[in-house]
ModelCIF file with pLDDT and N, C-alpha, C, O atoms, coordinates in Angstrom:
data_MODEL
#
_entry.id   MODEL 
#
_entity.id                         1 
_entity.type                       polymer 
_entity.pdbx_number_of_molecules   1 
#
_entity_poly.entity_id                      1 
_entity_poly.type                           'polypeptide(L)' 
_entity_poly.nstd_linkage                   no 
_entity_poly.nstd_monomer                   no 
_entity_poly.pdbx_seq_one_letter_code       
;(UNK)(UNK)(UNK)(UNK)(UNK)(UNK)(UNK)(UNK)(UNK)(UNK)(UNK)(UNK)(UNK)(UNK)(UNK)(UNK)
(UNK)(UNK)(UNK)(UNK)(UNK)(UNK)(UNK)(UNK)(UNK)(UNK)(UNK)(UNK)(UNK)(UNK)(UNK)(UNK)
(UNK)(UNK)(UNK)(UNK)(UNK)(UNK)(UNK)(UNK)(UNK)(UNK)
;
_entity_poly.pdbx_seq_one_letter_code_can   XXXXXXXXXXXXXXXXXXXXXXXXXXXXXXXXXXXXXXXXXX 
_entity_poly.pdbx_strand_id                 A 
#
loop_
_entity_poly_seq.entity_id 
_entity_poly_seq.num 
_entity_poly_seq.mon_id 
_entity_poly_seq.hetero 
1 1  UNK n 
1 2  UNK n 
1 3  UNK n 
1 4  UNK n 
1 5  UNK n 
1 6  UNK n 
1 7  UNK n 
1 8  UNK n 
1 9  UNK n 
1 10 UNK n 
1 11 UNK n 
1 12 UNK n 
1 13 UNK n 
1 14 UNK n 
1 15 UNK n 
1 16 UNK n 
1 17 UNK n 
1 18 UNK n 
1 19 UNK n 
1 20 UNK n 
1 21 UNK n 
1 22 UNK n 
1 23 UNK n 
1 24 UNK n 
1 25 UNK n 
1 26 UNK n 
1 27 UNK n 
1 28 UNK n 
1 29 UNK n 
1 30 UNK n 
1 31 UNK n 
1 32 UNK n 
1 33 UNK n 
1 34 UNK n 
1 35 UNK n 
1 36 UNK n 
1 37 UNK n 
1 38 UNK n 
1 39 UNK n 
1 40 UNK n 
1 41 UNK n 
1 42 UNK n 
#
_struct_asym.id          A 
_struct_asym.entity_id   1 
#
loop_
_ma_qa_metric.id 
_ma_qa_metric.mode 
_ma_qa_metric.name 
_ma_qa_metric.software_group_id 
_ma_qa_metric.type 
1 global pLDDT . pLDDT 
2 local  pLDDT . pLDDT 
#
_ma_qa_metric_global.metric_id      1 
_ma_qa_metric_global.metric_value   92.43 
_ma_qa_metric_global.model_id       1 
_ma_qa_metric_global.ordinal_id     1 
#
loop_
_ma_qa_metric_local.label_asym_id 
_ma_qa_metric_local.label_comp_id 
_ma_qa_metric_local.label_seq_id 
_ma_qa_metric_local.metric_id 
_ma_qa_metric_local.metric_value 
_ma_qa_metric_local.model_id 
_ma_qa_metric_local.ordinal_id 
A UNK 1  2 95.00 1 1  
A UNK 2  2 93.00 1 2  
A UNK 3  2 88.00 1 3  
A UNK 4  2 91.00 1 4  
A UNK 5  2 95.00 1 5  
A UNK 6  2 92.00 1 6  
A UNK 7  2 95.00 1 7  
A UNK 8  2 94.00 1 8  
A UNK 9  2 93.00 1 9  
A UNK 10 2 94.00 1 10 
A UNK 11 2 93.00 1 11 
A UNK 12 2 96.00 1 12 
A UNK 13 2 95.00 1 13 
A UNK 14 2 95.00 1 14 
A UNK 15 2 95.00 1 15 
A UNK 16 2 95.00 1 16 
A UNK 17 2 95.00 1 17 
A UNK 18 2 95.00 1 18 
A UNK 19 2 94.00 1 19 
A UNK 20 2 96.00 1 20 
A UNK 21 2 97.00 1 21 
A UNK 22 2 97.00 1 22 
A UNK 23 2 96.00 1 23 
A UNK 24 2 92.00 1 24 
A UNK 25 2 95.00 1 25 
A UNK 26 2 94.00 1 26 
A UNK 27 2 94.00 1 27 
A UNK 28 2 96.00 1 28 
A UNK 29 2 97.00 1 29 
A UNK 30 2 98.00 1 30 
A UNK 31 2 97.00 1 31 
A UNK 32 2 97.00 1 32 
A UNK 33 2 96.00 1 33 
A UNK 34 2 95.00 1 34 
A UNK 35 2 91.00 1 35 
A UNK 36 2 87.00 1 36 
A UNK 37 2 82.00 1 37 
A UNK 38 2 76.00 1 38 
A UNK 39 2 79.00 1 39 
A UNK 40 2 78.00 1 40 
A UNK 41 2 82.00 1 41 
A UNK 42 2 87.00 1 42 
#
loop_
_atom_site.group_PDB 
_atom_site.id 
_atom_site.type_symbol 
_atom_site.label_atom_id 
_atom_site.label_alt_id 
_atom_site.label_comp_id 
_atom_site.label_asym_id 
_atom_site.label_entity_id 
_atom_site.label_seq_id 
_atom_site.pdbx_PDB_ins_code 
_atom_site.Cartn_x 
_atom_site.Cartn_y 
_atom_site.Cartn_z 
_atom_site.occupancy 
_atom_site.B_iso_or_equiv 
_atom_site.pdbx_formal_charge 
_atom_site.auth_seq_id 
_atom_site.auth_comp_id 
_atom_site.auth_asym_id 
_atom_site.auth_atom_id 
_atom_site.pdbx_PDB_model_num 
ATOM 1   N N  . UNK A 1 1  ? 22.795 176.678 190.818 1.00 95.00 ? 1  UNK A N  1 
ATOM 2   C CA . UNK A 1 1  ? 23.864 176.668 190.259 1.00 95.00 ? 1  UNK A CA 1 
ATOM 3   C C  . UNK A 1 1  ? 25.187 175.860 190.971 1.00 95.00 ? 1  UNK A C  1 
ATOM 4   O O  . UNK A 1 1  ? 26.377 176.093 190.758 1.00 95.00 ? 1  UNK A O  1 
ATOM 5   N N  . UNK A 1 2  ? 24.701 175.011 191.728 1.00 93.00 ? 2  UNK A N  1 
ATOM 6   C CA . UNK A 1 2  ? 24.953 173.483 192.402 1.00 93.00 ? 2  UNK A CA 1 
ATOM 7   C C  . UNK A 1 2  ? 24.275 172.129 191.867 1.00 93.00 ? 2  UNK A C  1 
ATOM 8   O O  . UNK A 1 2  ? 23.475 171.542 192.596 1.00 93.00 ? 2  UNK A O  1 
ATOM 9   N N  . UNK A 1 3  ? 24.499 171.785 190.980 1.00 88.00 ? 3  UNK A N  1 
ATOM 10  C CA . UNK A 1 3  ? 23.557 170.349 190.488 1.00 88.00 ? 3  UNK A CA 1 
ATOM 11  C C  . UNK A 1 3  ? 23.831 169.120 191.133 1.00 88.00 ? 3  UNK A C  1 
ATOM 12  O O  . UNK A 1 3  ? 22.937 168.302 191.351 1.00 88.00 ? 3  UNK A O  1 
ATOM 13  N N  . UNK A 1 4  ? 25.143 168.920 191.487 1.00 91.00 ? 4  UNK A N  1 
ATOM 14  C CA . UNK A 1 4  ? 25.387 168.094 192.713 1.00 91.00 ? 4  UNK A CA 1 
ATOM 15  C C  . UNK A 1 4  ? 24.976 168.438 193.852 1.00 91.00 ? 4  UNK A C  1 
ATOM 16  O O  . UNK A 1 4  ? 25.704 169.097 194.595 1.00 91.00 ? 4  UNK A O  1 
ATOM 17  N N  . UNK A 1 5  ? 23.461 167.977 194.287 1.00 95.00 ? 5  UNK A N  1 
ATOM 18  C CA . UNK A 1 5  ? 23.032 167.956 195.751 1.00 95.00 ? 5  UNK A CA 1 
ATOM 19  C C  . UNK A 1 5  ? 23.584 167.360 196.588 1.00 95.00 ? 5  UNK A C  1 
ATOM 20  O O  . UNK A 1 5  ? 24.062 166.344 196.082 1.00 95.00 ? 5  UNK A O  1 
ATOM 21  N N  . UNK A 1 6  ? 23.866 167.446 197.977 1.00 92.00 ? 6  UNK A N  1 
ATOM 22  C CA . UNK A 1 6  ? 24.625 166.834 199.086 1.00 92.00 ? 6  UNK A CA 1 
ATOM 23  C C  . UNK A 1 6  ? 23.662 166.758 200.226 1.00 92.00 ? 6  UNK A C  1 
ATOM 24  O O  . UNK A 1 6  ? 23.297 167.823 200.723 1.00 92.00 ? 6  UNK A O  1 
ATOM 25  N N  . UNK A 1 7  ? 23.316 165.899 200.587 1.00 95.00 ? 7  UNK A N  1 
ATOM 26  C CA . UNK A 1 7  ? 22.270 165.225 201.975 1.00 95.00 ? 7  UNK A CA 1 
ATOM 27  C C  . UNK A 1 7  ? 23.483 165.349 203.139 1.00 95.00 ? 7  UNK A C  1 
ATOM 28  O O  . UNK A 1 7  ? 24.664 165.613 202.914 1.00 95.00 ? 7  UNK A O  1 
ATOM 29  N N  . UNK A 1 8  ? 22.829 165.073 204.507 1.00 94.00 ? 8  UNK A N  1 
ATOM 30  C CA . UNK A 1 8  ? 23.444 165.236 205.468 1.00 94.00 ? 8  UNK A CA 1 
ATOM 31  C C  . UNK A 1 8  ? 24.635 164.306 205.509 1.00 94.00 ? 8  UNK A C  1 
ATOM 32  O O  . UNK A 1 8  ? 24.869 163.584 204.539 1.00 94.00 ? 8  UNK A O  1 
ATOM 33  N N  . UNK A 1 9  ? 25.194 164.295 206.301 1.00 93.00 ? 9  UNK A N  1 
ATOM 34  C CA . UNK A 1 9  ? 26.741 164.218 207.031 1.00 93.00 ? 9  UNK A CA 1 
ATOM 35  C C  . UNK A 1 9  ? 26.957 162.601 207.921 1.00 93.00 ? 9  UNK A C  1 
ATOM 36  O O  . UNK A 1 9  ? 27.999 161.992 208.162 1.00 93.00 ? 9  UNK A O  1 
ATOM 37  N N  . UNK A 1 10 ? 25.430 162.235 208.278 1.00 94.00 ? 10 UNK A N  1 
ATOM 38  C CA . UNK A 1 10 ? 25.328 161.574 208.768 1.00 94.00 ? 10 UNK A CA 1 
ATOM 39  C C  . UNK A 1 10 ? 23.815 160.828 208.873 1.00 94.00 ? 10 UNK A C  1 
ATOM 40  O O  . UNK A 1 10 ? 22.894 161.500 208.409 1.00 94.00 ? 10 UNK A O  1 
ATOM 41  N N  . UNK A 1 11 ? 23.534 159.769 209.326 1.00 93.00 ? 11 UNK A N  1 
ATOM 42  C CA . UNK A 1 11 ? 22.604 158.842 209.295 1.00 93.00 ? 11 UNK A CA 1 
ATOM 43  C C  . UNK A 1 11 ? 21.220 159.665 209.667 1.00 93.00 ? 11 UNK A C  1 
ATOM 44  O O  . UNK A 1 11 ? 20.733 159.795 210.791 1.00 93.00 ? 11 UNK A O  1 
ATOM 45  N N  . UNK A 1 12 ? 20.664 160.244 208.269 1.00 96.00 ? 12 UNK A N  1 
ATOM 46  C CA . UNK A 1 12 ? 18.825 160.651 209.244 1.00 96.00 ? 12 UNK A CA 1 
ATOM 47  C C  . UNK A 1 12 ? 18.166 160.080 209.336 1.00 96.00 ? 12 UNK A C  1 
ATOM 48  O O  . UNK A 1 12 ? 17.645 159.529 208.366 1.00 96.00 ? 12 UNK A O  1 
ATOM 49  N N  . UNK A 1 13 ? 17.708 159.828 210.886 1.00 95.00 ? 13 UNK A N  1 
ATOM 50  C CA . UNK A 1 13 ? 16.402 158.790 211.020 1.00 95.00 ? 13 UNK A CA 1 
ATOM 51  C C  . UNK A 1 13 ? 15.888 159.375 211.729 1.00 95.00 ? 13 UNK A C  1 
ATOM 52  O O  . UNK A 1 13 ? 16.519 160.406 211.964 1.00 95.00 ? 13 UNK A O  1 
ATOM 53  N N  . UNK A 1 14 ? 14.614 159.263 212.500 1.00 95.00 ? 14 UNK A N  1 
ATOM 54  C CA . UNK A 1 14 ? 13.514 159.914 213.100 1.00 95.00 ? 14 UNK A CA 1 
ATOM 55  C C  . UNK A 1 14 ? 14.213 159.994 214.650 1.00 95.00 ? 14 UNK A C  1 
ATOM 56  O O  . UNK A 1 14 ? 14.092 160.982 215.374 1.00 95.00 ? 14 UNK A O  1 
ATOM 57  N N  . UNK A 1 15 ? 15.027 158.671 215.050 1.00 95.00 ? 15 UNK A N  1 
ATOM 58  C CA . UNK A 1 15 ? 15.397 158.951 216.608 1.00 95.00 ? 15 UNK A CA 1 
ATOM 59  C C  . UNK A 1 15 ? 16.903 159.314 216.337 1.00 95.00 ? 15 UNK A C  1 
ATOM 60  O O  . UNK A 1 15 ? 17.379 159.438 215.209 1.00 95.00 ? 15 UNK A O  1 
ATOM 61  N N  . UNK A 1 16 ? 17.437 159.433 217.253 1.00 95.00 ? 16 UNK A N  1 
ATOM 62  C CA . UNK A 1 16 ? 18.972 159.535 217.372 1.00 95.00 ? 16 UNK A CA 1 
ATOM 63  C C  . UNK A 1 16 ? 20.069 157.889 217.174 1.00 95.00 ? 16 UNK A C  1 
ATOM 64  O O  . UNK A 1 16 ? 19.844 156.797 217.695 1.00 95.00 ? 16 UNK A O  1 
ATOM 65  N N  . UNK A 1 17 ? 20.963 158.189 216.463 1.00 95.00 ? 17 UNK A N  1 
ATOM 66  C CA . UNK A 1 17 ? 21.964 156.837 216.766 1.00 95.00 ? 17 UNK A CA 1 
ATOM 67  C C  . UNK A 1 17 ? 22.176 156.375 217.856 1.00 95.00 ? 17 UNK A C  1 
ATOM 68  O O  . UNK A 1 17 ? 22.870 157.042 218.623 1.00 95.00 ? 17 UNK A O  1 
ATOM 69  N N  . UNK A 1 18 ? 21.739 155.296 218.218 1.00 95.00 ? 18 UNK A N  1 
ATOM 70  C CA . UNK A 1 18 ? 21.885 154.710 219.750 1.00 95.00 ? 18 UNK A CA 1 
ATOM 71  C C  . UNK A 1 18 ? 23.330 155.164 219.921 1.00 95.00 ? 18 UNK A C  1 
ATOM 72  O O  . UNK A 1 18 ? 23.659 155.781 220.935 1.00 95.00 ? 18 UNK A O  1 
ATOM 73  N N  . UNK A 1 19 ? 24.408 154.805 218.727 1.00 94.00 ? 19 UNK A N  1 
ATOM 74  C CA . UNK A 1 19 ? 26.219 155.116 219.178 1.00 94.00 ? 19 UNK A CA 1 
ATOM 75  C C  . UNK A 1 19 ? 25.884 156.472 220.054 1.00 94.00 ? 19 UNK A C  1 
ATOM 76  O O  . UNK A 1 19 ? 26.586 156.722 221.035 1.00 94.00 ? 19 UNK A O  1 
ATOM 77  N N  . UNK A 1 20 ? 24.923 157.239 219.724 1.00 96.00 ? 20 UNK A N  1 
ATOM 78  C CA . UNK A 1 20 ? 25.458 158.308 219.945 1.00 96.00 ? 20 UNK A CA 1 
ATOM 79  C C  . UNK A 1 20 ? 24.991 158.991 221.610 1.00 96.00 ? 20 UNK A C  1 
ATOM 80  O O  . UNK A 1 20 ? 23.817 158.886 221.965 1.00 96.00 ? 20 UNK A O  1 
ATOM 81  N N  . UNK A 1 21 ? 26.086 159.710 222.583 1.00 97.00 ? 21 UNK A N  1 
ATOM 82  C CA . UNK A 1 21 ? 25.606 159.431 223.560 1.00 97.00 ? 21 UNK A CA 1 
ATOM 83  C C  . UNK A 1 21 ? 25.255 160.792 224.136 1.00 97.00 ? 21 UNK A C  1 
ATOM 84  O O  . UNK A 1 21 ? 25.902 161.779 223.787 1.00 97.00 ? 21 UNK A O  1 
ATOM 85  N N  . UNK A 1 22 ? 24.141 160.893 225.102 1.00 97.00 ? 22 UNK A N  1 
ATOM 86  C CA . UNK A 1 22 ? 23.620 162.473 225.984 1.00 97.00 ? 22 UNK A CA 1 
ATOM 87  C C  . UNK A 1 22 ? 24.003 162.309 227.262 1.00 97.00 ? 22 UNK A C  1 
ATOM 88  O O  . UNK A 1 22 ? 24.008 161.359 228.044 1.00 97.00 ? 22 UNK A O  1 
ATOM 89  N N  . UNK A 1 23 ? 24.465 163.936 227.324 1.00 96.00 ? 23 UNK A N  1 
ATOM 90  C CA . UNK A 1 23 ? 24.412 164.315 228.469 1.00 96.00 ? 23 UNK A CA 1 
ATOM 91  C C  . UNK A 1 23 ? 23.197 165.015 229.136 1.00 96.00 ? 23 UNK A C  1 
ATOM 92  O O  . UNK A 1 23 ? 23.083 166.168 228.718 1.00 96.00 ? 23 UNK A O  1 
ATOM 93  N N  . UNK A 1 24 ? 22.126 164.615 230.175 1.00 92.00 ? 24 UNK A N  1 
ATOM 94  C CA . UNK A 1 24 ? 21.315 165.357 230.871 1.00 92.00 ? 24 UNK A CA 1 
ATOM 95  C C  . UNK A 1 24 ? 21.926 165.947 232.183 1.00 92.00 ? 24 UNK A C  1 
ATOM 96  O O  . UNK A 1 24 ? 21.506 167.015 232.629 1.00 92.00 ? 24 UNK A O  1 
ATOM 97  N N  . UNK A 1 25 ? 23.090 165.121 232.899 1.00 95.00 ? 25 UNK A N  1 
ATOM 98  C CA . UNK A 1 25 ? 23.339 165.867 233.977 1.00 95.00 ? 25 UNK A CA 1 
ATOM 99  C C  . UNK A 1 25 ? 24.689 167.090 233.851 1.00 95.00 ? 25 UNK A C  1 
ATOM 100 O O  . UNK A 1 25 ? 25.656 167.193 234.605 1.00 95.00 ? 25 UNK A O  1 
ATOM 101 N N  . UNK A 1 26 ? 24.359 167.904 232.669 1.00 94.00 ? 26 UNK A N  1 
ATOM 102 C CA . UNK A 1 26 ? 25.352 168.677 232.385 1.00 94.00 ? 26 UNK A CA 1 
ATOM 103 C C  . UNK A 1 26 ? 25.425 169.459 233.638 1.00 94.00 ? 26 UNK A C  1 
ATOM 104 O O  . UNK A 1 26 ? 24.661 169.553 234.599 1.00 94.00 ? 26 UNK A O  1 
ATOM 105 N N  . UNK A 1 27 ? 27.048 170.217 233.229 1.00 94.00 ? 27 UNK A N  1 
ATOM 106 C CA . UNK A 1 27 ? 27.331 171.026 234.231 1.00 94.00 ? 27 UNK A CA 1 
ATOM 107 C C  . UNK A 1 27 ? 27.257 172.480 233.529 1.00 94.00 ? 27 UNK A C  1 
ATOM 108 O O  . UNK A 1 27 ? 27.254 172.866 232.360 1.00 94.00 ? 27 UNK A O  1 
ATOM 109 N N  . UNK A 1 28 ? 27.189 173.195 234.982 1.00 96.00 ? 28 UNK A N  1 
ATOM 110 C CA . UNK A 1 28 ? 27.045 174.713 234.645 1.00 96.00 ? 28 UNK A CA 1 
ATOM 111 C C  . UNK A 1 28 ? 27.392 175.388 236.477 1.00 96.00 ? 28 UNK A C  1 
ATOM 112 O O  . UNK A 1 28 ? 27.521 174.957 237.623 1.00 96.00 ? 28 UNK A O  1 
ATOM 113 N N  . UNK A 1 29 ? 27.410 176.660 235.729 1.00 97.00 ? 29 UNK A N  1 
ATOM 114 C CA . UNK A 1 29 ? 27.429 177.437 237.248 1.00 97.00 ? 29 UNK A CA 1 
ATOM 115 C C  . UNK A 1 29 ? 25.766 177.941 236.946 1.00 97.00 ? 29 UNK A C  1 
ATOM 116 O O  . UNK A 1 29 ? 24.919 177.767 236.069 1.00 97.00 ? 29 UNK A O  1 
ATOM 117 N N  . UNK A 1 30 ? 25.901 178.735 238.374 1.00 98.00 ? 30 UNK A N  1 
ATOM 118 C CA . UNK A 1 30 ? 24.394 178.617 238.808 1.00 98.00 ? 30 UNK A CA 1 
ATOM 119 C C  . UNK A 1 30 ? 23.700 180.090 239.176 1.00 98.00 ? 30 UNK A C  1 
ATOM 120 O O  . UNK A 1 30 ? 24.364 180.575 240.092 1.00 98.00 ? 30 UNK A O  1 
ATOM 121 N N  . UNK A 1 31 ? 22.790 180.829 238.862 1.00 97.00 ? 31 UNK A N  1 
ATOM 122 C CA . UNK A 1 31 ? 22.397 181.779 240.045 1.00 97.00 ? 31 UNK A CA 1 
ATOM 123 C C  . UNK A 1 31 ? 21.350 181.442 240.651 1.00 97.00 ? 31 UNK A C  1 
ATOM 124 O O  . UNK A 1 31 ? 20.397 181.288 239.887 1.00 97.00 ? 31 UNK A O  1 
ATOM 125 N N  . UNK A 1 32 ? 21.015 181.163 242.326 1.00 97.00 ? 32 UNK A N  1 
ATOM 126 C CA . UNK A 1 32 ? 19.791 180.846 242.992 1.00 97.00 ? 32 UNK A CA 1 
ATOM 127 C C  . UNK A 1 32 ? 19.499 182.215 243.612 1.00 97.00 ? 32 UNK A C  1 
ATOM 128 O O  . UNK A 1 32 ? 20.423 183.002 243.821 1.00 97.00 ? 32 UNK A O  1 
ATOM 129 N N  . UNK A 1 33 ? 18.188 182.519 243.919 1.00 96.00 ? 33 UNK A N  1 
ATOM 130 C CA . UNK A 1 33 ? 17.419 183.690 244.419 1.00 96.00 ? 33 UNK A CA 1 
ATOM 131 C C  . UNK A 1 33 ? 17.160 182.660 245.712 1.00 96.00 ? 33 UNK A C  1 
ATOM 132 O O  . UNK A 1 33 ? 17.131 181.445 245.516 1.00 96.00 ? 33 UNK A O  1 
ATOM 133 N N  . UNK A 1 34 ? 17.030 183.061 246.655 1.00 95.00 ? 34 UNK A N  1 
ATOM 134 C CA . UNK A 1 34 ? 16.069 182.605 247.944 1.00 95.00 ? 34 UNK A CA 1 
ATOM 135 C C  . UNK A 1 34 ? 15.295 183.784 248.537 1.00 95.00 ? 34 UNK A C  1 
ATOM 136 O O  . UNK A 1 34 ? 15.581 184.977 248.441 1.00 95.00 ? 34 UNK A O  1 
ATOM 137 N N  . UNK A 1 35 ? 14.224 183.201 249.191 1.00 91.00 ? 35 UNK A N  1 
ATOM 138 C CA . UNK A 1 35 ? 13.194 183.827 249.759 1.00 91.00 ? 35 UNK A CA 1 
ATOM 139 C C  . UNK A 1 35 ? 13.991 183.502 251.510 1.00 91.00 ? 35 UNK A C  1 
ATOM 140 O O  . UNK A 1 35 ? 13.985 182.387 252.032 1.00 91.00 ? 35 UNK A O  1 
ATOM 141 N N  . UNK A 1 36 ? 14.455 184.436 251.989 1.00 87.00 ? 36 UNK A N  1 
ATOM 142 C CA . UNK A 1 36 ? 15.262 183.730 253.784 1.00 87.00 ? 36 UNK A CA 1 
ATOM 143 C C  . UNK A 1 36 ? 14.389 184.455 254.238 1.00 87.00 ? 36 UNK A C  1 
ATOM 144 O O  . UNK A 1 36 ? 13.837 185.409 253.690 1.00 87.00 ? 36 UNK A O  1 
ATOM 145 N N  . UNK A 1 37 ? 14.126 183.748 255.923 1.00 82.00 ? 37 UNK A N  1 
ATOM 146 C CA . UNK A 1 37 ? 14.135 184.256 257.095 1.00 82.00 ? 37 UNK A CA 1 
ATOM 147 C C  . UNK A 1 37 ? 15.120 184.843 257.555 1.00 82.00 ? 37 UNK A C  1 
ATOM 148 O O  . UNK A 1 37 ? 16.202 184.256 257.547 1.00 82.00 ? 37 UNK A O  1 
ATOM 149 N N  . UNK A 1 38 ? 15.018 186.074 258.047 1.00 76.00 ? 38 UNK A N  1 
ATOM 150 C CA . UNK A 1 38 ? 16.015 187.407 258.773 1.00 76.00 ? 38 UNK A CA 1 
ATOM 151 C C  . UNK A 1 38 ? 16.142 186.749 259.979 1.00 76.00 ? 38 UNK A C  1 
ATOM 152 O O  . UNK A 1 38 ? 15.341 187.100 260.845 1.00 76.00 ? 38 UNK A O  1 
ATOM 153 N N  . UNK A 1 39 ? 17.302 185.488 260.397 1.00 79.00 ? 39 UNK A N  1 
ATOM 154 C CA . UNK A 1 39 ? 17.595 185.563 261.739 1.00 79.00 ? 39 UNK A CA 1 
ATOM 155 C C  . UNK A 1 39 ? 18.879 184.408 261.547 1.00 79.00 ? 39 UNK A C  1 
ATOM 156 O O  . UNK A 1 39 ? 19.305 183.796 260.567 1.00 79.00 ? 39 UNK A O  1 
ATOM 157 N N  . UNK A 1 40 ? 19.204 184.437 262.789 1.00 78.00 ? 40 UNK A N  1 
ATOM 158 C CA . UNK A 1 40 ? 20.527 184.143 262.778 1.00 78.00 ? 40 UNK A CA 1 
ATOM 159 C C  . UNK A 1 40 ? 20.713 182.409 262.293 1.00 78.00 ? 40 UNK A C  1 
ATOM 160 O O  . UNK A 1 40 ? 19.682 181.745 262.398 1.00 78.00 ? 40 UNK A O  1 
ATOM 161 N N  . UNK A 1 41 ? 21.607 181.888 261.926 1.00 82.00 ? 41 UNK A N  1 
ATOM 162 C CA . UNK A 1 41 ? 21.654 180.569 261.500 1.00 82.00 ? 41 UNK A CA 1 
ATOM 163 C C  . UNK A 1 41 ? 21.537 179.942 260.071 1.00 82.00 ? 41 UNK A C  1 
ATOM 164 O O  . UNK A 1 41 ? 22.027 178.872 259.708 1.00 82.00 ? 41 UNK A O  1 
ATOM 165 N N  . UNK A 1 42 ? 20.364 181.320 258.905 1.00 87.00 ? 42 UNK A N  1 
ATOM 166 C CA . UNK A 1 42 ? 19.731 180.761 257.901 1.00 87.00 ? 42 UNK A CA 1 
ATOM 167 C C  . UNK A 1 42 ? 21.119 180.392 257.023 1.00 87.00 ? 42 UNK A C  1 
ATOM 168 O O  . UNK A 1 42 ? 21.028 179.823 255.935 1.00 87.00 ? 42 UNK A O  1 
#
């Protein structure tokens, strides 16, 4: 029912656009579970 086909709003290439920046050192809160020695100073 929609004969006028649309395609990507971006340049659809195999890899990312070189101008696009990606963050790998992202920010988050974290749950950290330790198995610790039961002694003073730990």
